[in-house]
Protein backbone atom coordinates (compact mmCIF):
# COMPACT_ATOMS: atom_id res chain seq x y z
CA MET A 1 -6.02 -29.28 2.37
CA LEU A 2 -3.40 -31.98 2.87
CA VAL A 3 -1.24 -30.48 0.11
CA PHE A 4 -1.46 -27.05 1.76
CA ALA A 5 -0.48 -28.50 5.13
CA VAL A 6 2.48 -30.33 3.62
CA LEU A 7 3.67 -27.27 1.69
CA THR A 8 3.42 -24.94 4.66
CA GLY A 9 4.99 -27.53 6.93
CA CYS A 10 7.98 -27.80 4.60
CA GLY A 11 8.65 -24.08 4.76
CA TYR A 12 7.23 -23.36 1.33
CA SER A 13 6.96 -19.65 0.58
CA SER A 14 5.71 -17.74 -2.44
CA LYS A 15 8.50 -15.20 -1.89
CA PHE A 16 11.87 -15.52 -3.58
CA LYS A 17 14.89 -16.81 -1.65
CA LEU A 18 17.94 -14.59 -2.04
CA PRO A 19 21.69 -15.14 -1.74
CA ASP A 20 23.03 -15.35 1.81
CA GLY A 21 23.75 -11.98 3.39
CA ILE A 22 21.34 -10.04 1.18
CA ARG A 23 18.59 -8.74 3.45
CA THR A 24 18.28 -5.13 2.35
CA ILE A 25 18.06 -3.49 -1.05
CA ALA A 26 18.25 0.04 -2.36
CA VAL A 27 16.30 0.94 -5.49
CA PRO A 28 17.39 4.40 -6.58
CA ILE A 29 15.65 6.23 -9.37
CA PHE A 30 16.87 4.90 -12.72
CA ARG A 31 18.64 7.14 -15.19
CA ASN A 32 16.27 8.21 -17.94
CA GLN A 33 17.74 8.37 -21.46
CA THR A 34 14.35 9.21 -23.00
CA PHE A 35 12.45 12.44 -23.34
CA ARG A 36 9.49 11.09 -21.31
CA ARG A 37 9.34 12.90 -18.00
CA ASP A 38 8.84 11.07 -14.71
CA ILE A 39 8.89 7.57 -16.20
CA GLU A 40 11.96 6.87 -14.05
CA LEU A 41 10.01 7.83 -10.90
CA GLU A 42 7.10 5.60 -11.87
CA LEU A 43 9.41 2.64 -12.53
CA ALA A 44 11.28 3.05 -9.23
CA GLN A 45 7.99 3.16 -7.33
CA ALA A 46 6.61 0.10 -9.14
CA LEU A 47 9.85 -1.83 -8.55
CA ARG A 48 9.80 -1.03 -4.84
CA LYS A 49 6.20 -2.24 -4.55
CA GLU A 50 7.01 -5.45 -6.42
CA ILE A 51 10.10 -6.15 -4.31
CA LEU A 52 8.11 -5.69 -1.10
CA ALA A 53 5.36 -7.99 -2.41
CA LYS A 54 7.61 -10.76 -3.78
CA THR A 55 10.67 -10.84 -1.52
CA ASP A 56 11.67 -10.66 2.11
CA LEU A 57 14.03 -7.77 1.37
CA LYS A 58 13.81 -4.56 3.34
CA LEU A 59 13.96 -1.38 1.25
CA VAL A 60 16.61 1.09 2.37
CA ASP A 61 18.26 4.24 1.03
CA LEU A 62 21.30 3.75 -1.21
CA LYS A 63 23.31 6.21 0.88
CA SER A 64 22.66 4.33 4.10
CA ASN A 65 25.29 2.04 5.52
CA ILE A 66 22.76 -0.77 5.88
CA ALA A 67 22.10 -1.46 2.20
CA HIS A 68 23.36 -4.95 1.29
CA SER A 69 22.39 -4.71 -2.36
CA ALA A 70 21.13 -2.32 -5.00
CA MET A 71 19.06 -2.59 -8.14
CA GLU A 72 20.11 0.14 -10.50
CA GLY A 73 19.47 0.79 -14.14
CA GLU A 74 18.57 3.08 -16.93
CA ILE A 75 15.56 3.53 -19.12
CA ILE A 76 16.94 3.47 -22.62
CA ASP A 77 13.80 3.65 -24.74
CA PHE A 78 10.17 4.63 -24.49
CA GLU A 79 8.39 4.36 -27.78
CA LEU A 80 4.81 5.08 -28.75
CA VAL A 81 3.87 3.00 -31.81
CA ARG A 82 0.73 3.66 -33.85
CA LEU A 83 -0.85 0.28 -34.58
CA ARG A 84 -4.19 1.02 -36.22
CA GLU A 85 -6.04 3.95 -37.78
CA ASN A 86 -9.68 4.59 -38.66
CA GLU A 87 -11.04 5.70 -42.02
CA GLU A 88 -10.09 9.33 -41.27
CA ASP A 89 -6.45 8.33 -40.60
CA GLU A 90 -6.89 8.97 -36.88
CA ALA A 91 -5.02 6.64 -34.55
CA VAL A 92 -7.30 4.22 -32.73
CA GLU A 93 -4.73 1.81 -31.28
CA TYR A 94 -1.22 2.32 -29.91
CA ARG A 95 1.49 0.28 -28.25
CA VAL A 96 3.91 1.61 -25.64
CA ASN A 97 7.37 -0.04 -25.63
CA LEU A 98 9.59 0.43 -22.58
CA VAL A 99 13.22 -0.80 -22.58
CA VAL A 100 15.69 -0.82 -19.66
CA ASN A 101 19.13 -2.01 -18.61
CA ILE A 102 19.27 -3.48 -15.07
CA LYS A 103 22.09 -4.28 -12.65
CA PHE A 104 21.53 -6.01 -9.29
CA HIS A 105 24.69 -5.97 -7.21
CA ASN A 106 26.05 -6.75 -3.77
CA LEU A 107 27.15 -3.47 -2.19
CA ARG A 108 29.34 -5.24 0.38
CA THR A 109 31.47 -7.19 -2.10
CA GLY A 110 30.97 -5.17 -5.28
CA GLU A 111 29.88 -8.35 -7.08
CA VAL A 112 27.32 -7.97 -9.86
CA ILE A 113 24.78 -10.63 -8.96
CA TYR A 114 22.73 -10.26 -12.12
CA SER A 115 22.45 -7.84 -15.01
CA VAL A 116 20.39 -7.68 -18.13
CA ASP A 117 20.39 -5.24 -21.03
CA ASN A 118 17.50 -4.33 -23.30
CA LEU A 119 14.78 -5.81 -21.12
CA GLN A 120 11.54 -4.82 -22.81
CA ARG A 121 7.84 -4.77 -22.01
CA ASN A 122 4.93 -3.20 -23.83
CA ALA A 123 1.27 -2.40 -23.41
CA GLU A 124 -1.40 -1.68 -25.98
CA PHE A 125 -4.35 0.66 -25.72
CA LEU A 126 -7.37 1.65 -27.77
CA VAL A 127 -8.17 5.33 -28.11
CA SER A 128 -11.79 4.57 -29.03
CA LYS A 129 -12.43 2.75 -25.74
CA GLY A 130 -11.30 5.72 -23.67
CA GLU A 131 -7.99 4.14 -22.78
CA GLY A 132 -5.16 6.60 -22.82
CA LEU A 133 -1.43 6.86 -22.96
CA ALA A 134 -1.20 7.27 -19.19
CA LYS A 135 -2.94 3.93 -18.64
CA ALA A 136 -0.79 2.13 -21.21
CA ARG A 137 2.35 3.68 -19.75
CA GLU A 138 1.30 2.59 -16.25
CA GLU A 139 0.66 -0.96 -17.47
CA ALA A 140 4.03 -1.14 -19.27
CA VAL A 141 5.80 0.08 -16.12
CA ARG A 142 3.94 -2.43 -13.93
CA GLU A 143 4.69 -5.35 -16.27
CA LEU A 144 8.32 -4.34 -16.58
CA SER A 145 8.74 -4.13 -12.79
CA ARG A 146 7.25 -7.63 -12.46
CA GLU A 147 9.60 -8.94 -15.11
CA ILE A 148 12.64 -7.29 -13.50
CA VAL A 149 11.89 -8.80 -10.10
CA SER A 150 11.15 -12.17 -11.66
CA GLN A 151 14.31 -12.27 -13.81
CA VAL A 152 16.65 -10.82 -11.24
CA LEU A 153 15.43 -12.57 -8.11
CA HIS A 154 13.94 -15.88 -9.33
CA ARG A 155 17.35 -17.53 -9.51
CA TRP A 156 17.38 -18.25 -5.78
């Protein structure tokens, strides 16, 4: 209890601290270079949720005049990999790989605050346990959004 009191008294927060002047962020839908439909919508939604949960940033529209920063990117690969088969050569386990390029930039100054290419996350699923591609895809998107927020915003 003493540790908690000390940490809260010192202004400790589980949210990330951002560069001065960055209070709002726009997260437009990423460009999708794959043939998987709607993955870009799912990633934008997951990123927005993660940003709201882990930062003090306010989400705003990119076209608004109040956006201080933007997190933009493109989905460059979505791959479904067959990992295991049964005796009848039917797939029983798959892995979904999702790869993106990210750029977080200050809209007021034009400065690129952070960028990363080929950021990758994956999720595995078993067909025999009733898990499906949709669930694995959702998990890969969720893990990737966590990693993006962590990598891009943990520096402060």
